[in-house]
Amino acid sequence: MEGIITLIAMLGIIAVVVRFMPKKGVNYITPKELQPLLDDGQYVFIDVRTQKEYKEAHIPQFINRPLGTYLGDLPKDQSIVVICQSGVRSNKACKELVKLGYSNVTNVRRGMNGLRAA
C-alpha cells in the first residue's frame, strides 16, 4: 500500500514540474529586460490578466487579452511579449501561442509582481 501511495505522490510531483517547466519555443525575460523593448515597434504586448486587474494597473503598451481569450488572431510576423500578475498565466498563454504556430513568443518572468519589485 505504501508503494502505491509513493508512486501516486511521485507522479503528482512530476505532473506539477512538467506543467511549470519552460516550454520549448518560448523565450523568457525578466521585468528589467522588458523595459528597453517597450518602445520597440516590432513587438506586440499582451496582458493576460483579468479586465479588472488590467484596469487597476497596466503598462500602456500592453493590450488586455485575458487568459482563455482566443489569441490566434495576433500577427505572426511580429514578436509577442506576454505578461500577467506572476508569470504563471502568461506562461500558459505562451504555450498556447506556440501550439497555434507562433514562433517568437516571450514570457515576462514574475510578471507585474516582478515589475513592482524591480
PDB file of N, CA and C in Angstrom:
ATOM      1  N   MET A   1       0.823  -1.197   0.000  1.00  0.00           N
ATOM      2  CA  MET A   1       0.000   0.000   0.000  1.00  0.00           C
ATOM      3  C   MET A   1       0.870   1.265   0.000  1.00  0.00           C
ATOM      4  N   GLU A   2       1.961   1.245   0.795  1.00  0.00           N
ATOM      5  CA  GLU A   2       2.847   2.404   0.843  1.00  0.00           C
ATOM      6  C   GLU A   2       3.491   2.657  -0.519  1.00  0.00           C
ATOM      7  N   GLY A   3       3.787   1.598  -1.243  1.00  0.00           N
ATOM      8  CA  GLY A   3       4.389   1.733  -2.567  1.00  0.00           C
ATOM      9  C   GLY A   3       3.466   2.441  -3.538  1.00  0.00           C
ATOM     10  N   ILE A   4       2.179   2.151  -3.459  1.00  0.00           N
ATOM     11  CA  ILE A   4       1.198   2.795  -4.338  1.00  0.00           C
ATOM     12  C   ILE A   4       1.089   4.277  -4.003  1.00  0.00           C
ATOM     13  N   ILE A   5       1.047   4.588  -2.712  1.00  0.00           N
ATOM     14  CA  ILE A   5       0.950   5.983  -2.293  1.00  0.00           C
ATOM     15  C   ILE A   5       2.191   6.756  -2.736  1.00  0.00           C
ATOM     16  N   THR A   6       3.355   6.150  -2.595  1.00  0.00           N
ATOM     17  CA  THR A   6       4.599   6.782  -3.028  1.00  0.00           C
ATOM     18  C   THR A   6       4.587   7.006  -4.531  1.00  0.00           C
ATOM     19  N   LEU A   7       4.141   6.039  -5.278  1.00  0.00           N
ATOM     20  CA  LEU A   7       4.073   6.158  -6.737  1.00  0.00           C
ATOM     21  C   LEU A   7       3.127   7.285  -7.141  1.00  0.00           C
ATOM     22  N   ILE A   8       1.970   7.352  -6.517  1.00  0.00           N
ATOM     23  CA  ILE A   8       0.995   8.408  -6.829  1.00  0.00           C
ATOM     24  C   ILE A   8       1.583   9.781  -6.490  1.00  0.00           C
ATOM     25  N   ALA A   9       2.257   9.885  -5.349  1.00  0.00           N
ATOM     26  CA  ALA A   9       2.883  11.149  -4.956  1.00  0.00           C
ATOM     27  C   ALA A   9       3.954  11.558  -5.960  1.00  0.00           C
ATOM     28  N   MET A  10       4.756  10.610  -6.393  1.00  0.00           N
ATOM     29  CA  MET A  10       5.813  10.908  -7.366  1.00  0.00           C
ATOM     30  C   MET A  10       5.219  11.362  -8.693  1.00  0.00           C
ATOM     31  N   LEU A  11       4.165  10.706  -9.143  1.00  0.00           N
ATOM     32  CA  LEU A  11       3.510  11.107 -10.393  1.00  0.00           C
ATOM     33  C   LEU A  11       2.929  12.512 -10.276  1.00  0.00           C
ATOM     34  N   GLY A  12       2.382  12.827  -9.126  1.00  0.00           N
ATOM     35  CA  GLY A  12       1.846  14.171  -8.895  1.00  0.00           C
ATOM     36  C   GLY A  12       2.932  15.225  -8.956  1.00  0.00           C
ATOM     37  N   ILE A  13       4.060  14.946  -8.341  1.00  0.00           N
ATOM     38  CA  ILE A  13       5.185  15.878  -8.366  1.00  0.00           C
ATOM     39  C   ILE A  13       5.692  16.071  -9.792  1.00  0.00           C
ATOM     40  N   ILE A  14       5.810  14.987 -10.524  1.00  0.00           N
ATOM     41  CA  ILE A  14       6.259  15.068 -11.920  1.00  0.00           C
ATOM     42  C   ILE A  14       5.288  15.904 -12.745  1.00  0.00           C
ATOM     43  N   ALA A  15       3.992  15.712 -12.541  1.00  0.00           N
ATOM     44  CA  ALA A  15       2.980  16.475 -13.282  1.00  0.00           C
ATOM     45  C   ALA A  15       3.111  17.968 -13.011  1.00  0.00           C
ATOM     46  N   VAL A  16       3.328  18.336 -11.750  1.00  0.00           N
ATOM     47  CA  VAL A  16       3.477  19.754 -11.402  1.00  0.00           C
ATOM     48  C   VAL A  16       4.738  20.333 -12.021  1.00  0.00           C
ATOM     49  N   VAL A  17       5.836  19.599 -11.948  1.00  0.00           N
ATOM     50  CA  VAL A  17       7.097  20.078 -12.513  1.00  0.00           C
ATOM     51  C   VAL A  17       6.970  20.272 -14.023  1.00  0.00           C
ATOM     52  N   VAL A  18       6.390  19.318 -14.720  1.00  0.00           N
ATOM     53  CA  VAL A  18       6.228  19.405 -16.168  1.00  0.00           C
ATOM     54  C   VAL A  18       5.341  20.583 -16.541  1.00  0.00           C
ATOM     55  N   ARG A  19       4.307  20.813 -15.773  1.00  0.00           N
ATOM     56  CA  ARG A  19       3.376  21.907 -16.067  1.00  0.00           C
ATOM     57  C   ARG A  19       4.055  23.267 -16.025  1.00  0.00           C
ATOM     58  N   PHE A  20       4.983  23.455 -15.103  1.00  0.00           N
ATOM     59  CA  PHE A  20       5.612  24.756 -14.935  1.00  0.00           C
ATOM     60  C   PHE A  20       6.999  24.866 -15.554  1.00  0.00           C
ATOM     61  N   MET A  21       7.440  23.829 -16.232  1.00  0.00           N
ATOM     62  CA  MET A  21       8.736  23.883 -16.912  1.00  0.00           C
ATOM     63  C   MET A  21       8.654  24.835 -18.100  1.00  0.00           C
ATOM     64  N   PRO A  22       9.765  25.458 -18.437  1.00  0.00           N
ATOM     65  CA  PRO A  22       9.766  26.295 -19.626  1.00  0.00           C
ATOM     66  C   PRO A  22       9.374  25.490 -20.860  1.00  0.00           C
ATOM     67  N   LYS A  23       8.595  26.085 -21.715  1.00  0.00           N
ATOM     68  CA  LYS A  23       8.113  25.437 -22.922  1.00  0.00           C
ATOM     69  C   LYS A  23       9.093  25.696 -24.061  1.00  0.00           C
ATOM     70  N   LYS A  24       9.373  24.662 -24.820  1.00  0.00           N
ATOM     71  CA  LYS A  24      10.226  24.813 -25.990  1.00  0.00           C
ATOM     72  C   LYS A  24       9.565  25.808 -26.932  1.00  0.00           C
ATOM     73  N   GLY A  25      10.336  26.764 -27.412  1.00  0.00           N
ATOM     74  CA  GLY A  25       9.800  27.772 -28.315  1.00  0.00           C
ATOM     75  C   GLY A  25       9.375  29.046 -27.617  1.00  0.00           C
ATOM     76  N   VAL A  26       9.443  29.074 -26.283  1.00  0.00           N
ATOM     77  CA  VAL A  26       9.087  30.268 -25.521  1.00  0.00           C
ATOM     78  C   VAL A  26      10.359  30.861 -24.937  1.00  0.00           C
ATOM     79  N   ASN A  27      10.545  32.152 -25.144  1.00  0.00           N
ATOM     80  CA  ASN A  27      11.671  32.875 -24.551  1.00  0.00           C
ATOM     81  C   ASN A  27      11.221  33.458 -23.215  1.00  0.00           C
ATOM     82  N   TYR A  28      12.155  33.707 -22.343  1.00  0.00           N
ATOM     83  CA  TYR A  28      11.838  34.258 -21.026  1.00  0.00           C
ATOM     84  C   TYR A  28      12.726  35.463 -20.767  1.00  0.00           C
ATOM     85  N   ILE A  29      12.105  36.547 -20.266  1.00  0.00           N
ATOM     86  CA  ILE A  29      12.857  37.736 -19.902  1.00  0.00           C
ATOM     87  C   ILE A  29      12.442  38.170 -18.501  1.00  0.00           C
ATOM     88  N   THR A  30      13.302  38.938 -17.883  1.00  0.00           N
ATOM     89  CA  THR A  30      12.998  39.499 -16.572  1.00  0.00           C
ATOM     90  C   THR A  30      12.260  40.820 -16.777  1.00  0.00           C
ATOM     91  N   PRO A  31      11.603  41.310 -15.748  1.00  0.00           N
ATOM     92  CA  PRO A  31      10.966  42.630 -15.867  1.00  0.00           C
ATOM     93  C   PRO A  31      11.957  43.721 -16.257  1.00  0.00           C
ATOM     94  N   LYS A  32      13.183  43.632 -15.784  1.00  0.00           N
ATOM     95  CA  LYS A  32      14.203  44.624 -16.132  1.00  0.00           C
ATOM     96  C   LYS A  32      14.511  44.568 -17.626  1.00  0.00           C
ATOM     97  N   GLU A  33      14.557  43.367 -18.191  1.00  0.00           N
ATOM     98  CA  GLU A  33      14.837  43.211 -19.624  1.00  0.00           C
ATOM     99  C   GLU A  33      13.666  43.677 -20.494  1.00  0.00           C
ATOM    100  N   LEU A  34      12.479  43.767 -19.906  1.00  0.00           N
ATOM    101  CA  LEU A  34      11.303  44.237 -20.649  1.00  0.00           C
ATOM    102  C   LEU A  34      11.410  45.719 -20.987  1.00  0.00           C
ATOM    103  N   GLN A  35      11.958  46.504 -20.092  1.00  0.00           N
ATOM    104  CA  GLN A  35      11.968  47.963 -20.234  1.00  0.00           C
ATOM    105  C   GLN A  35      12.432  48.464 -21.598  1.00  0.00           C
ATOM    106  N   PRO A  36      13.580  48.028 -22.115  1.00  0.00           N
ATOM    107  CA  PRO A  36      14.015  48.560 -23.418  1.00  0.00           C
ATOM    108  C   PRO A  36      13.148  48.106 -24.593  1.00  0.00           C
ATOM    109  N   LEU A  37      12.364  47.060 -24.428  1.00  0.00           N
ATOM    110  CA  LEU A  37      11.521  46.570 -25.517  1.00  0.00           C
ATOM    111  C   LEU A  37      10.248  47.387 -25.699  1.00  0.00           C
ATOM    112  N   LEU A  38       9.854  48.100 -24.661  1.00  0.00           N
ATOM    113  CA  LEU A  38       8.555  48.762 -24.665  1.00  0.00           C
ATOM    114  C   LEU A  38       8.387  49.798 -25.769  1.00  0.00           C
ATOM    115  N   ASP A  39       9.451  50.407 -26.216  1.00  0.00           N
ATOM    116  CA  ASP A  39       9.357  51.417 -27.272  1.00  0.00           C
ATOM    117  C   ASP A  39       9.763  50.890 -28.635  1.00  0.00           C
ATOM    118  N   ASP A  40       9.913  49.573 -28.740  1.00  0.00           N
ATOM    119  CA  ASP A  40      10.314  48.940 -29.991  1.00  0.00           C
ATOM    120  C   ASP A  40       9.062  48.492 -30.742  1.00  0.00           C
ATOM    121  N   GLY A  41       8.854  49.001 -31.921  1.00  0.00           N
ATOM    122  CA  GLY A  41       7.658  48.723 -32.693  1.00  0.00           C
ATOM    123  C   GLY A  41       7.540  47.315 -33.250  1.00  0.00           C
ATOM    124  N   GLN A  42       8.558  46.476 -33.048  1.00  0.00           N
ATOM    125  CA  GLN A  42       8.483  45.127 -33.607  1.00  0.00           C
ATOM    126  C   GLN A  42       7.756  44.160 -32.685  1.00  0.00           C
ATOM    127  N   TYR A  43       7.315  44.616 -31.508  1.00  0.00           N
ATOM    128  CA  TYR A  43       6.682  43.735 -30.528  1.00  0.00           C
ATOM    129  C   TYR A  43       5.194  44.018 -30.389  1.00  0.00           C
ATOM    130  N   VAL A  44       4.450  42.938 -30.132  1.00  0.00           N
ATOM    131  CA  VAL A  44       3.048  43.039 -29.732  1.00  0.00           C
ATOM    132  C   VAL A  44       3.025  42.632 -28.263  1.00  0.00           C
ATOM    133  N   PHE A  45       2.489  43.493 -27.425  1.00  0.00           N
ATOM    134  CA  PHE A  45       2.476  43.261 -25.987  1.00  0.00           C
ATOM    135  C   PHE A  45       1.075  42.858 -25.534  1.00  0.00           C
ATOM    136  N   ILE A  46       0.987  41.700 -24.862  1.00  0.00           N
ATOM    137  CA  ILE A  46      -0.291  41.144 -24.435  1.00  0.00           C
ATOM    138  C   ILE A  46      -0.281  40.947 -22.918  1.00  0.00           C
ATOM    139  N   ASP A  47      -1.326  41.449 -22.263  1.00  0.00           N
ATOM    140  CA  ASP A  47      -1.518  41.275 -20.820  1.00  0.00           C
ATOM    141  C   ASP A  47      -2.690  40.307 -20.659  1.00  0.00           C
ATOM    142  N   VAL A  48      -2.442  39.134 -20.072  1.00  0.00           N
ATOM    143  CA  VAL A  48      -3.474  38.093 -19.992  1.00  0.00           C
ATOM    144  C   VAL A  48      -4.198  38.068 -18.639  1.00  0.00           C
ATOM    145  N   ARG A  49      -4.045  39.130 -17.855  1.00  0.00           N
ATOM    146  CA  ARG A  49      -4.776  39.207 -16.594  1.00  0.00           C
ATOM    147  C   ARG A  49      -6.245  39.536 -16.869  1.00  0.00           C
ATOM    148  N   THR A  50      -7.067  39.456 -15.840  1.00  0.00           N
ATOM    149  CA  THR A  50      -8.483  39.781 -15.998  1.00  0.00           C
ATOM    150  C   THR A  50      -8.639  41.270 -16.320  1.00  0.00           C
ATOM    151  N   GLN A  51      -9.804  41.641 -16.838  1.00  0.00           N
ATOM    152  CA  GLN A  51     -10.057  43.047 -17.142  1.00  0.00           C
ATOM    153  C   GLN A  51      -9.955  43.904 -15.885  1.00  0.00           C
ATOM    154  N   LYS A  52     -10.423  43.374 -14.766  1.00  0.00           N
ATOM    155  CA  LYS A  52     -10.364  44.123 -13.509  1.00  0.00           C
ATOM    156  C   LYS A  52      -8.915  44.391 -13.106  1.00  0.00           C
ATOM    157  N   GLU A  53      -8.064  43.344 -13.170  1.00  0.00           N
ATOM    158  CA  GLU A  53      -6.654  43.515 -12.834  1.00  0.00           C
ATOM    159  C   GLU A  53      -5.994  44.529 -13.770  1.00  0.00           C
ATOM    160  N   TYR A  54      -6.328  44.426 -15.048  1.00  0.00           N
ATOM    161  CA  TYR A  54      -5.747  45.314 -16.052  1.00  0.00           C
ATOM    162  C   TYR A  54      -6.135  46.764 -15.789  1.00  0.00           C
ATOM    163  N   LYS A  55      -7.417  46.996 -15.470  1.00  0.00           N
ATOM    164  CA  LYS A  55      -7.890  48.359 -15.209  1.00  0.00           C
ATOM    165  C   LYS A  55      -7.239  48.955 -13.970  1.00  0.00           C
ATOM    166  N   GLU A  56      -6.942  48.116 -12.980  1.00  0.00           N
ATOM    167  CA  GLU A  56      -6.329  48.611 -11.750  1.00  0.00           C
ATOM    168  C   GLU A  56      -4.914  49.122 -11.991  1.00  0.00           C
ATOM    169  N   ALA A  57      -4.155  48.443 -12.825  1.00  0.00           N
ATOM    170  CA  ALA A  57      -2.783  48.852 -13.150  1.00  0.00           C
ATOM    171  C   ALA A  57      -2.313  48.080 -14.371  1.00  0.00           C
ATOM    172  N   HIS A  58      -1.771  48.794 -15.335  1.00  0.00           N
ATOM    173  CA  HIS A  58      -1.218  48.130 -16.514  1.00  0.00           C
ATOM    174  C   HIS A  58      -0.143  49.000 -17.160  1.00  0.00           C
ATOM    175  N   ILE A  59       0.605  48.377 -18.026  1.00  0.00           N
ATOM    176  CA  ILE A  59       1.615  49.071 -18.814  1.00  0.00           C
ATOM    177  C   ILE A  59       0.928  49.505 -20.102  1.00  0.00           C
ATOM    178  N   PRO A  60       0.994  50.794 -20.458  1.00  0.00           N
ATOM    179  CA  PRO A  60       0.233  51.307 -21.607  1.00  0.00           C
ATOM    180  C   PRO A  60       0.428  50.546 -22.919  1.00  0.00           C
ATOM    181  N   GLN A  61       1.605  50.022 -23.171  1.00  0.00           N
ATOM    182  CA  GLN A  61       1.867  49.324 -24.441  1.00  0.00           C
ATOM    183  C   GLN A  61       1.160  47.964 -24.517  1.00  0.00           C
ATOM    184  N   PHE A  62       0.722  47.432 -23.410  1.00  0.00           N
ATOM    185  CA  PHE A  62       0.097  46.108 -23.382  1.00  0.00           C
ATOM    186  C   PHE A  62      -1.400  46.209 -23.621  1.00  0.00           C
ATOM    187  N   ILE A  63      -1.909  45.332 -24.487  1.00  0.00           N
ATOM    188  CA  ILE A  63      -3.352  45.229 -24.683  1.00  0.00           C
ATOM    189  C   ILE A  63      -3.866  44.073 -23.831  1.00  0.00           C
ATOM    190  N   ASN A  64      -5.070  44.199 -23.358  1.00  0.00           N
ATOM    191  CA  ASN A  64      -5.639  43.193 -22.465  1.00  0.00           C
ATOM    192  C   ASN A  64      -6.341  42.107 -23.267  1.00  0.00           C
ATOM    193  N   ARG A  65      -5.849  40.879 -23.127  1.00  0.00           N
ATOM    194  CA  ARG A  65      -6.458  39.696 -23.718  1.00  0.00           C
ATOM    195  C   ARG A  65      -6.456  38.633 -22.618  1.00  0.00           C
ATOM    196  N   PRO A  66      -7.477  38.617 -21.749  1.00  0.00           N
ATOM    197  CA  PRO A  66      -7.482  37.690 -20.611  1.00  0.00           C
ATOM    198  C   PRO A  66      -7.238  36.243 -21.036  1.00  0.00           C
ATOM    199  N   LEU A  67      -6.557  35.513 -20.143  1.00  0.00           N
ATOM    200  CA  LEU A  67      -6.273  34.107 -20.410  1.00  0.00           C
ATOM    201  C   LEU A  67      -7.571  33.394 -20.758  1.00  0.00           C
ATOM    202  N   GLY A  68      -7.541  32.606 -21.798  1.00  0.00           N
ATOM    203  CA  GLY A  68      -8.741  31.918 -22.272  1.00  0.00           C
ATOM    204  C   GLY A  68      -9.323  32.585 -23.502  1.00  0.00           C
ATOM    205  N   THR A  69      -8.937  33.839 -23.745  1.00  0.00           N
ATOM    206  CA  THR A  69      -9.353  34.551 -24.952  1.00  0.00           C
ATOM    207  C   THR A  69      -8.577  33.974 -26.130  1.00  0.00           C
ATOM    208  N   TYR A  70      -9.221  33.872 -27.279  1.00  0.00           N
ATOM    209  CA  TYR A  70      -8.545  33.359 -28.464  1.00  0.00           C
ATOM    210  C   TYR A  70      -7.399  34.280 -28.852  1.00  0.00           C
ATOM    211  N   LEU A  71      -6.229  33.725 -29.028  1.00  0.00           N
ATOM    212  CA  LEU A  71      -5.036  34.509 -29.349  1.00  0.00           C
ATOM    213  C   LEU A  71      -4.548  34.300 -30.778  1.00  0.00           C
ATOM    214  N   GLY A  72      -5.217  33.450 -31.526  1.00  0.00           N
ATOM    215  CA  GLY A  72      -4.773  33.103 -32.868  1.00  0.00           C
ATOM    216  C   GLY A  72      -4.890  34.206 -33.894  1.00  0.00           C
ATOM    217  N   ASP A  73      -5.498  35.337 -33.526  1.00  0.00           N
ATOM    218  CA  ASP A  73      -5.639  36.438 -34.465  1.00  0.00           C
ATOM    219  C   ASP A  73      -4.534  37.490 -34.318  1.00  0.00           C
ATOM    220  N   LEU A  74      -3.559  37.216 -33.468  1.00  0.00           N
ATOM    221  CA  LEU A  74      -2.429  38.135 -33.313  1.00  0.00           C
ATOM    222  C   LEU A  74      -1.499  37.993 -34.514  1.00  0.00           C
ATOM    223  N   PRO A  75      -0.779  39.058 -34.867  1.00  0.00           N
ATOM    224  CA  PRO A  75       0.113  38.977 -36.035  1.00  0.00           C
ATOM    225  C   PRO A  75       1.245  37.982 -35.821  1.00  0.00           C
ATOM    226  N   LYS A  76       1.469  37.143 -36.814  1.00  0.00           N
ATOM    227  CA  LYS A  76       2.529  36.132 -36.710  1.00  0.00           C
ATOM    228  C   LYS A  76       3.876  36.654 -37.190  1.00  0.00           C
ATOM    229  N   ASP A  77       3.883  37.839 -37.782  1.00  0.00           N
ATOM    230  CA  ASP A  77       5.142  38.393 -38.283  1.00  0.00           C
ATOM    231  C   ASP A  77       5.814  39.325 -37.283  1.00  0.00           C
ATOM    232  N   GLN A  78       5.273  39.413 -36.063  1.00  0.00           N
ATOM    233  CA  GLN A  78       5.869  40.237 -35.018  1.00  0.00           C
ATOM    234  C   GLN A  78       6.140  39.387 -33.784  1.00  0.00           C
ATOM    235  N   SER A  79       7.097  39.817 -32.993  1.00  0.00           N
ATOM    236  CA  SER A  79       7.388  39.144 -31.739  1.00  0.00           C
ATOM    237  C   SER A  79       6.296  39.489 -30.737  1.00  0.00           C
ATOM    238  N   ILE A  80       5.913  38.511 -29.918  1.00  0.00           N
ATOM    239  CA  ILE A  80       4.854  38.723 -28.938  1.00  0.00           C
ATOM    240  C   ILE A  80       5.434  38.583 -27.539  1.00  0.00           C
ATOM    241  N   VAL A  81       5.159  39.563 -26.693  1.00  0.00           N
ATOM    242  CA  VAL A  81       5.590  39.553 -25.306  1.00  0.00           C
ATOM    243  C   VAL A  81       4.337  39.471 -24.449  1.00  0.00           C
ATOM    244  N   VAL A  82       4.322  38.510 -23.527  1.00  0.00           N
ATOM    245  CA  VAL A  82       3.129  38.249 -22.717  1.00  0.00           C
ATOM    246  C   VAL A  82       3.456  38.453 -21.245  1.00  0.00           C
ATOM    247  N   ILE A  83       2.512  39.089 -20.534  1.00  0.00           N
ATOM    248  CA  ILE A  83       2.682  39.339 -19.107  1.00  0.00           C
ATOM    249  C   ILE A  83       1.380  39.023 -18.375  1.00  0.00           C
ATOM    250  N   CYS A  84       1.496  38.699 -17.087  1.00  0.00           N
ATOM    251  CA  CYS A  84       0.338  38.548 -16.195  1.00  0.00           C
ATOM    252  C   CYS A  84       0.767  39.072 -14.829  1.00  0.00           C
ATOM    253  N   GLN A  85       0.117  38.636 -13.785  1.00  0.00           N
ATOM    254  CA  GLN A  85       0.471  39.117 -12.453  1.00  0.00           C
ATOM    255  C   GLN A  85       1.775  38.501 -11.938  1.00  0.00           C
ATOM    256  N   SER A  86       1.915  37.174 -12.094  1.00  0.00           N
ATOM    257  CA  SER A  86       3.070  36.490 -11.507  1.00  0.00           C
ATOM    258  C   SER A  86       3.923  35.726 -12.520  1.00  0.00           C
ATOM    259  N   GLY A  87       3.437  35.541 -13.731  1.00  0.00           N
ATOM    260  CA  GLY A  87       4.160  34.794 -14.747  1.00  0.00           C
ATOM    261  C   GLY A  87       3.565  33.439 -15.066  1.00  0.00           C
ATOM    262  N   VAL A  88       2.618  32.972 -14.246  1.00  0.00           N
ATOM    263  CA  VAL A  88       2.030  31.646 -14.456  1.00  0.00           C
ATOM    264  C   VAL A  88       1.026  31.672 -15.616  1.00  0.00           C
ATOM    265  N   ARG A  89       0.085  32.596 -15.579  1.00  0.00           N
ATOM    266  CA  ARG A  89      -0.912  32.677 -16.661  1.00  0.00           C
ATOM    267  C   ARG A  89      -0.260  33.050 -17.983  1.00  0.00           C
ATOM    268  N   SER A  90       0.720  33.941 -17.945  1.00  0.00           N
ATOM    269  CA  SER A  90       1.388  34.313 -19.194  1.00  0.00           C
ATOM    270  C   SER A  90       2.170  33.134 -19.765  1.00  0.00           C
ATOM    271  N   ASN A  91       2.699  32.275 -18.906  1.00  0.00           N
ATOM    272  CA  ASN A  91       3.377  31.071 -19.386  1.00  0.00           C
ATOM    273  C   ASN A  91       2.386  30.157 -20.105  1.00  0.00           C
ATOM    274  N   LYS A  92       1.186  30.018 -19.546  1.00  0.00           N
ATOM    275  CA  LYS A  92       0.142  29.217 -20.209  1.00  0.00           C
ATOM    276  C   LYS A  92      -0.213  29.819 -21.562  1.00  0.00           C
ATOM    277  N   ALA A  93      -0.364  31.145 -21.605  1.00  0.00           N
ATOM    278  CA  ALA A  93      -0.704  31.812 -22.866  1.00  0.00           C
ATOM    279  C   ALA A  93       0.409  31.628 -23.893  1.00  0.00           C
ATOM    280  N   CYS A  94       1.659  31.703 -23.456  1.00  0.00           N
ATOM    281  CA  CYS A  94       2.792  31.494 -24.365  1.00  0.00           C
ATOM    282  C   CYS A  94       2.767  30.084 -24.938  1.00  0.00           C
ATOM    283  N   LYS A  95       2.496  29.105 -24.100  1.00  0.00           N
ATOM    284  CA  LYS A  95       2.412  27.715 -24.572  1.00  0.00           C
ATOM    285  C   LYS A  95       1.297  27.580 -25.611  1.00  0.00           C
ATOM    286  N   GLU A  96       0.181  28.256 -25.373  1.00  0.00           N
ATOM    287  CA  GLU A  96      -0.935  28.211 -26.332  1.00  0.00           C
ATOM    288  C   GLU A  96      -0.525  28.861 -27.656  1.00  0.00           C
ATOM    289  N   LEU A  97       0.172  29.985 -27.593  1.00  0.00           N
ATOM    290  CA  LEU A  97       0.630  30.649 -28.815  1.00  0.00           C
ATOM    291  C   LEU A  97       1.567  29.756 -29.620  1.00  0.00           C
ATOM    292  N   VAL A  98       2.466  29.057 -28.938  1.00  0.00           N
ATOM    293  CA  VAL A  98       3.366  28.132 -29.635  1.00  0.00           C
ATOM    294  C   VAL A  98       2.556  27.033 -30.316  1.00  0.00           C
ATOM    295  N   LYS A  99       1.545  26.505 -29.630  1.00  0.00           N
ATOM    296  CA  LYS A  99       0.679  25.485 -30.237  1.00  0.00           C
ATOM    297  C   LYS A  99      -0.036  26.017 -31.473  1.00  0.00           C
ATOM    298  N   LEU A 100      -0.345  27.322 -31.469  1.00  0.00           N
ATOM    299  CA  LEU A 100      -1.030  27.944 -32.600  1.00  0.00           C
ATOM    300  C   LEU A 100      -0.085  28.294 -33.746  1.00  0.00           C
ATOM    301  N   GLY A 101       1.215  28.021 -33.567  1.00  0.00           N
ATOM    302  CA  GLY A 101       2.163  28.240 -34.645  1.00  0.00           C
ATOM    303  C   GLY A 101       2.989  29.509 -34.552  1.00  0.00           C
ATOM    304  N   TYR A 102       2.908  30.223 -33.451  1.00  0.00           N
ATOM    305  CA  TYR A 102       3.718  31.422 -33.280  1.00  0.00           C
ATOM    306  C   TYR A 102       5.143  31.003 -32.919  1.00  0.00           C
ATOM    307  N   SER A 103       6.121  31.698 -33.514  1.00  0.00           N
ATOM    308  CA  SER A 103       7.498  31.256 -33.325  1.00  0.00           C
ATOM    309  C   SER A 103       8.331  32.176 -32.442  1.00  0.00           C
ATOM    310  N   ASN A 104       7.923  33.408 -32.246  1.00  0.00           N
ATOM    311  CA  ASN A 104       8.720  34.325 -31.432  1.00  0.00           C
ATOM    312  C   ASN A 104       7.856  34.854 -30.288  1.00  0.00           C
ATOM    313  N   VAL A 105       7.781  34.060 -29.226  1.00  0.00           N
ATOM    314  CA  VAL A 105       6.918  34.342 -28.081  1.00  0.00           C
ATOM    315  C   VAL A 105       7.783  34.471 -26.836  1.00  0.00           C
ATOM    316  N   THR A 106       7.533  35.515 -26.059  1.00  0.00           N
ATOM    317  CA  THR A 106       8.336  35.775 -24.858  1.00  0.00           C
ATOM    318  C   THR A 106       7.428  35.978 -23.656  1.00  0.00           C
ATOM    319  N   ASN A 107       7.785  35.324 -22.558  1.00  0.00           N
ATOM    320  CA  ASN A 107       7.071  35.459 -21.291  1.00  0.00           C
ATOM    321  C   ASN A 107       7.897  36.333 -20.347  1.00  0.00           C
ATOM    322  N   VAL A 108       7.224  37.272 -19.670  1.00  0.00           N
ATOM    323  CA  VAL A 108       7.892  38.109 -18.673  1.00  0.00           C
ATOM    324  C   VAL A 108       7.837  37.374 -17.339  1.00  0.00           C
ATOM    325  N   ARG A 109       8.970  36.893 -16.881  1.00  0.00           N
ATOM    326  CA  ARG A 109       9.042  36.177 -15.603  1.00  0.00           C
ATOM    327  C   ARG A 109       8.597  37.085 -14.459  1.00  0.00           C
ATOM    328  N   ARG A 110       7.871  36.510 -13.542  1.00  0.00           N
ATOM    329  CA  ARG A 110       7.363  37.178 -12.340  1.00  0.00           C
ATOM    330  C   ARG A 110       6.369  38.284 -12.655  1.00  0.00           C
ATOM    331  N   GLY A 111       6.082  38.550 -13.903  1.00  0.00           N
ATOM    332  CA  GLY A 111       5.028  39.457 -14.322  1.00  0.00           C
ATOM    333  C   GLY A 111       5.023  40.820 -13.658  1.00  0.00           C
ATOM    334  N   MET A 112       3.804  41.316 -13.407  1.00  0.00           N
ATOM    335  CA  MET A 112       3.638  42.636 -12.797  1.00  0.00           C
ATOM    336  C   MET A 112       4.238  42.662 -11.395  1.00  0.00           C
ATOM    337  N   ASN A 113       4.179  41.551 -10.685  1.00  0.00           N
ATOM    338  CA  ASN A 113       4.802  41.498  -9.355  1.00  0.00           C
ATOM    339  C   ASN A 113       6.294  41.772  -9.446  1.00  0.00           C
ATOM    340  N   GLY A 114       6.926  41.234 -10.468  1.00  0.00           N
ATOM    341  CA  GLY A 114       8.347  41.450 -10.676  1.00  0.00           C
ATOM    342  C   GLY A 114       8.675  42.884 -11.039  1.00  0.00           C
ATOM    343  N   LEU A 115       7.773  43.523 -11.796  1.00  0.00           N
ATOM    344  CA  LEU A 115       7.982  44.919 -12.148  1.00  0.00           C
ATOM    345  C   LEU A 115       7.932  45.804 -10.902  1.00  0.00           C
ATOM    346  N   ARG A 116       7.000  45.508 -10.028  1.00  0.00           N
ATOM    347  CA  ARG A 116       6.874  46.312  -8.803  1.00  0.00           C
ATOM    348  C   ARG A 116       8.093  46.123  -7.896  1.00  0.00           C
ATOM    349  N   ALA A 117       8.659  44.917  -7.918  1.00  0.00           N
ATOM    350  CA  ALA A 117       9.801  44.622  -7.063  1.00  0.00           C
ATOM    351  C   ALA A 117      11.112  45.176  -7.620  1.00  0.00           C
ATOM    352  N   ALA A 118      11.153  45.396  -8.934  1.00  0.00           N
ATOM    353  CA  ALA A 118      12.392  45.847  -9.584  1.00  0.00           C
ATOM    354  C   ALA A 118      12.728  47.283  -9.265  1.00  0.00           C
TER     355      ALA A 118
END
